[in-house]
Amino acid sequence: MAYDIENFENDVIQQSFKTPVLVDFWADWCGPCQVLGPVLERIATENEDSWKLVKVDTEKFGQEAQTYNVTGIPNVKLFVDGKVIDEFTGALPEESVRRWLDGALPSEQRHQVKEAADLLAVNKVEEAQALLESVLSEDSANDEARVLLAQTKLYSDPKAAADLVGPIEPGSDVYELAESTTVYSTLFGYLEDESTLPEGETKVEYLNAIQDLRKQDFEAALEGFIEILRRDRYYNDDSARKACIAVFKSLGESHEITLAYRSRFSGALHS
């Protein structure tokens, strides 16, 4: 099977509207390219009905390499509907390439997860839950579906949310969000049984901050946790610091609340 192309526009861009195209940007003089190439070809032979592999010699297609910001080779880009949706650089081991492909290639389940996220964005929780549960019934290892479903349950059933994200391991793209879900669940558990908390002068303030978090008043919660950091940094095993980080990860690093409180949080840590 030949993988080299003659026309980038036809063989990559236009073809990607019909089926995903995996592009291996390479050159004959590149040692790592010679290592990765056979790996890609072997996997492509197994999956020729699902996606197409093409090899783009950067010596022949220098303009295309420049257009798609190929600064190091081998560089592998996945094109779908005329656009790059994922990529990696370097000669990865075969197992890593297969794992990357599993996460990068479009699928019906991926579409359903995206649809569920869109539903959650407009507060259509029950519809999102139904979609996510359907995805997990087909693919119980879908971490993104797990963490999104956990988010829908976090404030009503924190333990169920924590159980959902329990199987998500370090290295997963959503591991940090899973961690924040676990922290939230632990914090909300203190509201059910505050006797598990150590006594201290900030205990009441700590519980108030958790209560604000449970009400999704993130600014009030962060105000409370940051004040505890200033007054009693290591109360309950440094829990106020962990709570702030969980809030930032849950909201996202670009969220306006995260941006507003990050510097105050850092200041409290080093005061």
C-alpha atoms as a PDB file:
ATOM      1  CA  MET A   1       0.000   0.000   0.000  1.00  0.00           C
ATOM      2  CA  ALA A   2       1.387   3.418  -0.990  1.00  0.00           C
ATOM      3  CA  TYR A   3       1.179   6.202   1.567  1.00  0.00           C
ATOM      4  CA  ASP A   4       3.051   9.021  -0.196  1.00  0.00           C
ATOM      5  CA  ILE A   5       0.903  11.786  -1.697  1.00  0.00           C
ATOM      6  CA  GLU A   6       0.969  13.807  -4.889  1.00  0.00           C
ATOM      7  CA  ASN A   7      -1.434  16.618  -4.018  1.00  0.00           C
ATOM      8  CA  PHE A   8      -1.859  17.834  -0.435  1.00  0.00           C
ATOM      9  CA  GLU A   9      -5.180  19.575  -1.062  1.00  0.00           C
ATOM     10  CA  ASN A  10      -6.780  16.519  -2.669  1.00  0.00           C
ATOM     11  CA  ASP A  11      -5.095  13.732  -0.718  1.00  0.00           C
ATOM     12  CA  VAL A  12      -5.331  15.322   2.737  1.00  0.00           C
ATOM     13  CA  ILE A  13      -7.767  18.210   2.964  1.00  0.00           C
ATOM     14  CA  GLN A  14     -10.506  16.973   0.640  1.00  0.00           C
ATOM     15  CA  GLN A  15     -10.075  13.330   1.691  1.00  0.00           C
ATOM     16  CA  SER A  16     -10.492  14.312   5.364  1.00  0.00           C
ATOM     17  CA  PHE A  17     -14.108  15.323   4.689  1.00  0.00           C
ATOM     18  CA  LYS A  18     -14.785  11.679   3.796  1.00  0.00           C
ATOM     19  CA  THR A  19     -12.642   9.877   6.372  1.00  0.00           C
ATOM     20  CA  PRO A  20     -10.041  10.980   8.964  1.00  0.00           C
ATOM     21  CA  VAL A  21      -6.549  11.380   7.518  1.00  0.00           C
ATOM     22  CA  LEU A  22      -3.444  10.770   9.622  1.00  0.00           C
ATOM     23  CA  VAL A  23      -0.548  12.770   8.202  1.00  0.00           C
ATOM     24  CA  ASP A  24       3.030  11.756   8.934  1.00  0.00           C
ATOM     25  CA  PHE A  25       5.299  14.730   8.203  1.00  0.00           C
ATOM     26  CA  TRP A  26       8.728  13.157   7.690  1.00  0.00           C
ATOM     27  CA  ALA A  27      12.005  13.364   5.772  1.00  0.00           C
ATOM     28  CA  ASP A  28      14.381  10.735   4.440  1.00  0.00           C
ATOM     29  CA  TRP A  29      17.318  12.044   6.508  1.00  0.00           C
ATOM     30  CA  CYS A  30      15.352  11.903   9.810  1.00  0.00           C
ATOM     31  CA  GLY A  31      16.302   8.899  11.948  1.00  0.00           C
ATOM     32  CA  PRO A  32      13.276   9.007  14.287  1.00  0.00           C
ATOM     33  CA  CYS A  33      11.035   9.230  11.196  1.00  0.00           C
ATOM     34  CA  GLN A  34      12.416   5.878  10.041  1.00  0.00           C
ATOM     35  CA  VAL A  35      11.482   4.410  13.437  1.00  0.00           C
ATOM     36  CA  LEU A  36       7.951   5.820  13.588  1.00  0.00           C
ATOM     37  CA  GLY A  37       7.028   5.271   9.937  1.00  0.00           C
ATOM     38  CA  PRO A  38       6.699   1.457  10.050  1.00  0.00           C
ATOM     39  CA  VAL A  39       4.702   1.703  13.287  1.00  0.00           C
ATOM     40  CA  LEU A  40       2.162   4.014  11.673  1.00  0.00           C
ATOM     41  CA  GLU A  41       2.002   1.875   8.554  1.00  0.00           C
ATOM     42  CA  ARG A  42       1.388  -1.284  10.574  1.00  0.00           C
ATOM     43  CA  ILE A  43      -1.456   0.334  12.539  1.00  0.00           C
ATOM     44  CA  ALA A  44      -2.883   1.881   9.362  1.00  0.00           C
ATOM     45  CA  THR A  45      -3.055  -1.527   7.662  1.00  0.00           C
ATOM     46  CA  GLU A  46      -5.150  -2.805  10.568  1.00  0.00           C
ATOM     47  CA  ASN A  47      -7.502   0.202  10.398  1.00  0.00           C
ATOM     48  CA  GLU A  48      -7.707   1.078   6.704  1.00  0.00           C
ATOM     49  CA  ASP A  49     -11.516   1.214   6.805  1.00  0.00           C
ATOM     50  CA  SER A  50     -11.528   3.731   9.681  1.00  0.00           C
ATOM     51  CA  TRP A  51      -8.872   6.255   8.666  1.00  0.00           C
ATOM     52  CA  LYS A  52      -6.202   6.868   6.061  1.00  0.00           C
ATOM     53  CA  LEU A  53      -2.469   7.345   6.528  1.00  0.00           C
ATOM     54  CA  VAL A  54      -0.501   9.626   4.220  1.00  0.00           C
ATOM     55  CA  LYS A  55       3.185  10.455   4.420  1.00  0.00           C
ATOM     56  CA  VAL A  56       4.202  14.010   3.611  1.00  0.00           C
ATOM     57  CA  ASP A  57       7.885  14.492   2.792  1.00  0.00           C
ATOM     58  CA  THR A  58       8.757  17.912   4.206  1.00  0.00           C
ATOM     59  CA  GLU A  59      11.488  18.263   1.575  1.00  0.00           C
ATOM     60  CA  LYS A  60       8.836  18.109  -1.176  1.00  0.00           C
ATOM     61  CA  PHE A  61       5.993  19.821   0.684  1.00  0.00           C
ATOM     62  CA  GLY A  62       7.877  22.528   2.553  1.00  0.00           C
ATOM     63  CA  GLN A  63       5.101  25.112   2.129  1.00  0.00           C
ATOM     64  CA  GLU A  64       2.499  22.773   3.641  1.00  0.00           C
ATOM     65  CA  ALA A  65       4.833  21.947   6.519  1.00  0.00           C
ATOM     66  CA  GLN A  66       5.245  25.658   7.189  1.00  0.00           C
ATOM     67  CA  THR A  67       1.508  26.320   6.881  1.00  0.00           C
ATOM     68  CA  TYR A  68       0.760  23.672   9.532  1.00  0.00           C
ATOM     69  CA  ASN A  69       3.570  24.761  11.868  1.00  0.00           C
ATOM     70  CA  VAL A  70       5.728  21.670  11.520  1.00  0.00           C
ATOM     71  CA  THR A  71       8.814  22.715  13.477  1.00  0.00           C
ATOM     72  CA  GLY A  72      10.135  19.245  14.297  1.00  0.00           C
ATOM     73  CA  ILE A  73       9.803  15.817  12.705  1.00  0.00           C
ATOM     74  CA  PRO A  74       8.374  13.284  12.762  1.00  0.00           C
ATOM     75  CA  ASN A  75       5.206  15.291  13.284  1.00  0.00           C
ATOM     76  CA  VAL A  76       1.872  13.479  13.097  1.00  0.00           C
ATOM     77  CA  LYS A  77      -1.362  15.400  12.600  1.00  0.00           C
ATOM     78  CA  LEU A  78      -4.919  14.073  12.426  1.00  0.00           C
ATOM     79  CA  PHE A  79      -7.104  15.898   9.884  1.00  0.00           C
ATOM     80  CA  VAL A  80     -10.909  15.775  10.086  1.00  0.00           C
ATOM     81  CA  ASP A  81     -13.190  17.931   7.937  1.00  0.00           C
ATOM     82  CA  GLY A  82     -10.230  19.865   6.617  1.00  0.00           C
ATOM     83  CA  LYS A  83      -8.778  20.767  10.021  1.00  0.00           C
ATOM     84  CA  VAL A  84      -6.127  19.425  12.395  1.00  0.00           C
ATOM     85  CA  ILE A  85      -7.913  18.072  15.473  1.00  0.00           C
ATOM     86  CA  ASP A  86      -4.905  16.524  17.271  1.00  0.00           C
ATOM     87  CA  GLU A  87      -1.180  15.902  16.811  1.00  0.00           C
ATOM     88  CA  PHE A  88       2.065  14.738  18.357  1.00  0.00           C
ATOM     89  CA  THR A  89       5.774  15.128  17.613  1.00  0.00           C
ATOM     90  CA  GLY A  90       8.498  12.511  17.996  1.00  0.00           C
ATOM     91  CA  ALA A  91       8.855   8.753  17.588  1.00  0.00           C
ATOM     92  CA  LEU A  92       6.417   7.455  20.188  1.00  0.00           C
ATOM     93  CA  PRO A  93       6.328   3.743  21.088  1.00  0.00           C
ATOM     94  CA  GLU A  94       3.625   1.736  19.314  1.00  0.00           C
ATOM     95  CA  GLU A  95       1.498   1.367  22.443  1.00  0.00           C
ATOM     96  CA  SER A  96       1.542   5.144  22.962  1.00  0.00           C
ATOM     97  CA  VAL A  97       0.569   5.759  19.322  1.00  0.00           C
ATOM     98  CA  ARG A  98      -2.365   3.358  19.634  1.00  0.00           C
ATOM     99  CA  ARG A  99      -3.499   5.026  22.863  1.00  0.00           C
ATOM    100  CA  TRP A 100      -3.239   8.459  21.257  1.00  0.00           C
ATOM    101  CA  LEU A 101      -5.309   7.313  18.290  1.00  0.00           C
ATOM    102  CA  ASP A 102      -7.975   5.878  20.582  1.00  0.00           C
ATOM    103  CA  GLY A 103      -8.367   9.293  22.159  1.00  0.00           C
ATOM    104  CA  ALA A 104      -8.007  11.398  19.038  1.00  0.00           C
ATOM    105  CA  LEU A 105     -10.171   9.676  16.427  1.00  0.00           C
ATOM    106  CA  PRO A 106     -13.774  10.875  16.162  1.00  0.00           C
ATOM    107  CA  SER A 107     -16.493   8.480  17.284  1.00  0.00           C
ATOM    108  CA  GLU A 108     -20.213   8.480  17.942  1.00  0.00           C
ATOM    109  CA  GLN A 109     -19.488   8.357  21.653  1.00  0.00           C
ATOM    110  CA  ARG A 110     -17.196  11.371  21.406  1.00  0.00           C
ATOM    111  CA  HIS A 111     -20.006  13.232  19.642  1.00  0.00           C
ATOM    112  CA  GLN A 112     -22.438  12.261  22.413  1.00  0.00           C
ATOM    113  CA  VAL A 113     -20.043  13.445  25.127  1.00  0.00           C
ATOM    114  CA  LYS A 114     -19.683  16.800  23.364  1.00  0.00           C
ATOM    115  CA  GLU A 115     -23.458  17.049  23.023  1.00  0.00           C
ATOM    116  CA  ALA A 116     -23.816  16.293  26.747  1.00  0.00           C
ATOM    117  CA  ALA A 117     -21.309  19.034  27.592  1.00  0.00           C
ATOM    118  CA  ASP A 118     -23.299  21.474  25.474  1.00  0.00           C
ATOM    119  CA  LEU A 119     -26.494  20.445  27.288  1.00  0.00           C
ATOM    120  CA  LEU A 120     -24.851  21.002  30.665  1.00  0.00           C
ATOM    121  CA  ALA A 121     -23.754  24.459  29.555  1.00  0.00           C
ATOM    122  CA  VAL A 122     -27.436  25.410  29.238  1.00  0.00           C
ATOM    123  CA  ASN A 123     -28.409  23.550  32.441  1.00  0.00           C
ATOM    124  CA  LYS A 124     -30.232  20.649  30.744  1.00  0.00           C
ATOM    125  CA  VAL A 125     -28.913  18.248  33.343  1.00  0.00           C
ATOM    126  CA  GLU A 126     -31.317  15.317  32.941  1.00  0.00           C
ATOM    127  CA  GLU A 127     -30.803  15.162  29.170  1.00  0.00           C
ATOM    128  CA  ALA A 128     -27.029  15.306  29.639  1.00  0.00           C
ATOM    129  CA  GLN A 129     -27.133  12.538  32.246  1.00  0.00           C
ATOM    130  CA  ALA A 130     -29.085  10.261  29.908  1.00  0.00           C
ATOM    131  CA  LEU A 131     -26.523  10.745  27.131  1.00  0.00           C
ATOM    132  CA  LEU A 132     -23.545  10.219  29.431  1.00  0.00           C
ATOM    133  CA  GLU A 133     -25.023   7.090  30.998  1.00  0.00           C
ATOM    134  CA  SER A 134     -25.599   5.742  27.487  1.00  0.00           C
ATOM    135  CA  VAL A 135     -21.947   6.384  26.593  1.00  0.00           C
ATOM    136  CA  LEU A 136     -20.707   4.659  29.745  1.00  0.00           C
ATOM    137  CA  SER A 137     -22.933   1.665  29.130  1.00  0.00           C
ATOM    138  CA  GLU A 138     -21.034   1.189  25.858  1.00  0.00           C
ATOM    139  CA  ASP A 139     -17.603   2.309  27.074  1.00  0.00           C
ATOM    140  CA  SER A 140     -17.097   2.208  30.825  1.00  0.00           C
ATOM    141  CA  ALA A 141     -13.512   3.464  30.401  1.00  0.00           C
ATOM    142  CA  ASN A 142     -14.590   6.785  28.865  1.00  0.00           C
ATOM    143  CA  ASP A 143     -13.010   9.166  31.385  1.00  0.00           C
ATOM    144  CA  GLU A 144     -14.537  12.313  29.923  1.00  0.00           C
ATOM    145  CA  ALA A 145     -18.056  10.873  30.187  1.00  0.00           C
ATOM    146  CA  ARG A 146     -17.325   9.743  33.749  1.00  0.00           C
ATOM    147  CA  VAL A 147     -16.143  13.116  34.944  1.00  0.00           C
ATOM    148  CA  LEU A 148     -19.001  14.984  33.233  1.00  0.00           C
ATOM    149  CA  LEU A 149     -21.587  12.635  34.730  1.00  0.00           C
ATOM    150  CA  ALA A 150     -19.923  13.098  38.115  1.00  0.00           C
ATOM    151  CA  GLN A 151     -20.293  16.868  37.727  1.00  0.00           C
ATOM    152  CA  THR A 152     -24.053  16.443  37.276  1.00  0.00           C
ATOM    153  CA  LYS A 153     -24.271  14.532  40.563  1.00  0.00           C
ATOM    154  CA  LEU A 154     -21.688  16.377  42.635  1.00  0.00           C
ATOM    155  CA  TYR A 155     -24.006  18.723  44.516  1.00  0.00           C
ATOM    156  CA  SER A 156     -26.899  16.295  44.947  1.00  0.00           C
ATOM    157  CA  ASP A 157     -24.984  13.067  45.637  1.00  0.00           C
ATOM    158  CA  PRO A 158     -21.289  13.782  46.325  1.00  0.00           C
ATOM    159  CA  LYS A 159     -20.453  10.165  47.159  1.00  0.00           C
ATOM    160  CA  ALA A 160     -21.855   8.916  43.851  1.00  0.00           C
ATOM    161  CA  ALA A 161     -19.813  11.573  42.063  1.00  0.00           C
ATOM    162  CA  ALA A 162     -16.627  10.461  43.835  1.00  0.00           C
ATOM    163  CA  ASP A 163     -17.349   6.815  43.000  1.00  0.00           C
ATOM    164  CA  LEU A 164     -17.734   7.727  39.322  1.00  0.00           C
ATOM    165  CA  VAL A 165     -14.316   9.390  39.068  1.00  0.00           C
ATOM    166  CA  GLY A 166     -12.557   6.816  41.250  1.00  0.00           C
ATOM    167  CA  PRO A 167     -11.297   4.708  38.320  1.00  0.00           C
ATOM    168  CA  ILE A 168      -9.747   7.707  36.525  1.00  0.00           C
ATOM    169  CA  GLU A 169      -5.959   7.386  36.755  1.00  0.00           C
ATOM    170  CA  PRO A 170      -3.082   9.889  36.609  1.00  0.00           C
ATOM    171  CA  GLY A 171      -2.226  10.548  32.991  1.00  0.00           C
ATOM    172  CA  SER A 172      -5.849  10.890  31.938  1.00  0.00           C
ATOM    173  CA  ASP A 173      -6.681  14.202  30.256  1.00  0.00           C
ATOM    174  CA  VAL A 174      -9.401  14.772  32.866  1.00  0.00           C
ATOM    175  CA  TYR A 175      -7.469  13.576  35.920  1.00  0.00           C
ATOM    176  CA  GLU A 176      -7.212  17.036  37.492  1.00  0.00           C
ATOM    177  CA  LEU A 177     -10.971  17.546  37.170  1.00  0.00           C
ATOM    178  CA  ALA A 178     -11.535  14.096  38.654  1.00  0.00           C
ATOM    179  CA  GLU A 179      -9.280  15.047  41.560  1.00  0.00           C
ATOM    180  CA  SER A 180     -11.228  18.241  42.189  1.00  0.00           C
ATOM    181  CA  THR A 181     -14.456  16.205  42.203  1.00  0.00           C
ATOM    182  CA  THR A 182     -13.002  13.918  44.872  1.00  0.00           C
ATOM    183  CA  VAL A 183     -11.935  16.913  46.966  1.00  0.00           C
ATOM    184  CA  TYR A 184     -15.413  18.455  46.692  1.00  0.00           C
ATOM    185  CA  SER A 185     -16.994  15.166  47.757  1.00  0.00           C
ATOM    186  CA  THR A 186     -14.723  14.941  50.798  1.00  0.00           C
ATOM    187  CA  LEU A 187     -15.498  18.545  51.766  1.00  0.00           C
ATOM    188  CA  PHE A 188     -19.243  18.036  51.440  1.00  0.00           C
ATOM    189  CA  GLY A 189     -18.927  14.966  53.649  1.00  0.00           C
ATOM    190  CA  TYR A 190     -17.820  17.222  56.512  1.00  0.00           C
ATOM    191  CA  LEU A 191     -21.186  18.977  56.338  1.00  0.00           C
ATOM    192  CA  GLU A 192     -22.859  15.626  57.044  1.00  0.00           C
ATOM    193  CA  ASP A 193     -20.535  14.752  59.932  1.00  0.00           C
ATOM    194  CA  GLU A 194     -18.460  17.641  61.248  1.00  0.00           C
ATOM    195  CA  SER A 195     -17.216  15.485  64.147  1.00  0.00           C
ATOM    196  CA  THR A 196     -14.554  14.113  61.802  1.00  0.00           C
ATOM    197  CA  LEU A 197     -12.957  17.554  61.637  1.00  0.00           C
ATOM    198  CA  PRO A 198     -10.265  18.566  64.134  1.00  0.00           C
ATOM    199  CA  GLU A 199     -11.119  21.305  66.586  1.00  0.00           C
ATOM    200  CA  GLY A 200      -9.550  24.673  65.951  1.00  0.00           C
ATOM    201  CA  GLU A 201     -10.224  28.374  65.875  1.00  0.00           C
ATOM    202  CA  THR A 202     -11.030  28.264  62.160  1.00  0.00           C
ATOM    203  CA  LYS A 203     -13.342  25.233  62.224  1.00  0.00           C
ATOM    204  CA  VAL A 204     -16.527  27.285  61.986  1.00  0.00           C
ATOM    205  CA  GLU A 205     -15.139  29.430  59.170  1.00  0.00           C
ATOM    206  CA  TYR A 206     -14.006  26.285  57.389  1.00  0.00           C
ATOM    207  CA  LEU A 207     -17.496  24.769  57.530  1.00  0.00           C
ATOM    208  CA  ASN A 208     -19.002  28.063  56.351  1.00  0.00           C
ATOM    209  CA  ALA A 209     -16.681  28.079  53.349  1.00  0.00           C
ATOM    210  CA  ILE A 210     -17.704  24.512  52.500  1.00  0.00           C
ATOM    211  CA  GLN A 211     -21.346  25.517  52.811  1.00  0.00           C
ATOM    212  CA  ASP A 212     -20.735  28.351  50.334  1.00  0.00           C
ATOM    213  CA  LEU A 213     -19.075  25.881  47.991  1.00  0.00           C
ATOM    214  CA  ARG A 214     -22.045  23.515  48.247  1.00  0.00           C
ATOM    215  CA  LYS A 215     -24.286  26.454  47.264  1.00  0.00           C
ATOM    216  CA  GLN A 216     -21.907  27.067  44.327  1.00  0.00           C
ATOM    217  CA  ASP A 217     -21.059  30.517  45.633  1.00  0.00           C
ATOM    218  CA  PHE A 218     -17.441  30.101  44.555  1.00  0.00           C
ATOM    219  CA  GLU A 219     -16.302  33.603  45.372  1.00  0.00           C
ATOM    220  CA  ALA A 220     -17.561  33.403  48.969  1.00  0.00           C
ATOM    221  CA  ALA A 221     -16.023  29.936  49.316  1.00  0.00           C
ATOM    222  CA  LEU A 222     -12.644  31.134  48.075  1.00  0.00           C
ATOM    223  CA  GLU A 223     -12.808  34.168  50.365  1.00  0.00           C
ATOM    224  CA  GLY A 224     -13.324  31.798  53.295  1.00  0.00           C
ATOM    225  CA  PHE A 225     -10.666  29.280  52.358  1.00  0.00           C
ATOM    226  CA  ILE A 226      -8.070  31.991  51.633  1.00  0.00           C
ATOM    227  CA  GLU A 227      -8.741  33.623  54.998  1.00  0.00           C
ATOM    228  CA  ILE A 228      -8.162  30.249  56.676  1.00  0.00           C
ATOM    229  CA  LEU A 229      -4.867  29.933  54.791  1.00  0.00           C
ATOM    230  CA  ARG A 230      -3.782  33.245  56.271  1.00  0.00           C
ATOM    231  CA  ARG A 231      -4.839  32.392  59.830  1.00  0.00           C
ATOM    232  CA  ASP A 232      -4.319  28.641  60.154  1.00  0.00           C
ATOM    233  CA  ARG A 233      -2.512  27.342  57.059  1.00  0.00           C
ATOM    234  CA  TYR A 234      -2.351  23.661  58.016  1.00  0.00           C
ATOM    235  CA  TYR A 235      -5.808  23.228  59.514  1.00  0.00           C
ATOM    236  CA  ASN A 236      -7.191  19.776  58.646  1.00  0.00           C
ATOM    237  CA  ASP A 237      -4.040  18.702  56.784  1.00  0.00           C
ATOM    238  CA  ASP A 238      -3.745  21.812  54.599  1.00  0.00           C
ATOM    239  CA  SER A 239      -7.316  21.275  53.419  1.00  0.00           C
ATOM    240  CA  ALA A 240      -8.066  24.938  52.654  1.00  0.00           C
ATOM    241  CA  ARG A 241      -5.224  25.022  50.115  1.00  0.00           C
ATOM    242  CA  LYS A 242      -6.468  21.811  48.489  1.00  0.00           C
ATOM    243  CA  ALA A 243      -9.994  23.237  48.388  1.00  0.00           C
ATOM    244  CA  CYS A 244      -8.849  26.385  46.565  1.00  0.00           C
ATOM    245  CA  ILE A 245      -6.930  24.355  43.981  1.00  0.00           C
ATOM    246  CA  ALA A 246      -9.970  22.117  43.468  1.00  0.00           C
ATOM    247  CA  VAL A 247     -12.160  25.161  42.819  1.00  0.00           C
ATOM    248  CA  PHE A 248      -9.663  26.564  40.305  1.00  0.00           C
ATOM    249  CA  LYS A 249      -9.416  23.241  38.465  1.00  0.00           C
ATOM    250  CA  SER A 250     -13.180  22.785  38.475  1.00  0.00           C
ATOM    251  CA  LEU A 251     -13.874  26.253  37.087  1.00  0.00           C
ATOM    252  CA  GLY A 252     -10.911  26.210  34.694  1.00  0.00           C
ATOM    253  CA  GLU A 253      -7.739  28.297  34.690  1.00  0.00           C
ATOM    254  CA  SER A 254      -9.229  30.904  32.343  1.00  0.00           C
ATOM    255  CA  HIS A 255     -12.451  31.410  34.341  1.00  0.00           C
ATOM    256  CA  GLU A 256     -12.882  34.969  35.620  1.00  0.00           C
ATOM    257  CA  ILE A 257     -13.182  33.808  39.250  1.00  0.00           C
ATOM    258  CA  THR A 258      -9.983  31.763  38.989  1.00  0.00           C
ATOM    259  CA  LEU A 259      -8.170  34.726  37.464  1.00  0.00           C
ATOM    260  CA  ALA A 260      -9.485  37.047  40.181  1.00  0.00           C
ATOM    261  CA  TYR A 261      -8.460  34.832  43.104  1.00  0.00           C
ATOM    262  CA  ARG A 262      -5.256  33.113  41.934  1.00  0.00           C
ATOM    263  CA  SER A 263      -2.978  35.950  43.041  1.00  0.00           C
ATOM    264  CA  ARG A 264      -4.757  36.312  46.407  1.00  0.00           C
ATOM    265  CA  PHE A 265      -4.385  32.583  46.932  1.00  0.00           C
ATOM    266  CA  SER A 266      -0.660  32.730  46.147  1.00  0.00           C
ATOM    267  CA  GLY A 267      -0.270  35.703  48.439  1.00  0.00           C
ATOM    268  CA  ALA A 268      -1.925  33.845  51.312  1.00  0.00           C
ATOM    269  CA  LEU A 269       0.380  30.865  50.808  1.00  0.00           C
ATOM    270  CA  HIS A 270       3.483  33.002  51.075  1.00  0.00           C
ATOM    271  CA  SER A 271       2.374  35.516  53.708  1.00  0.00           C
END
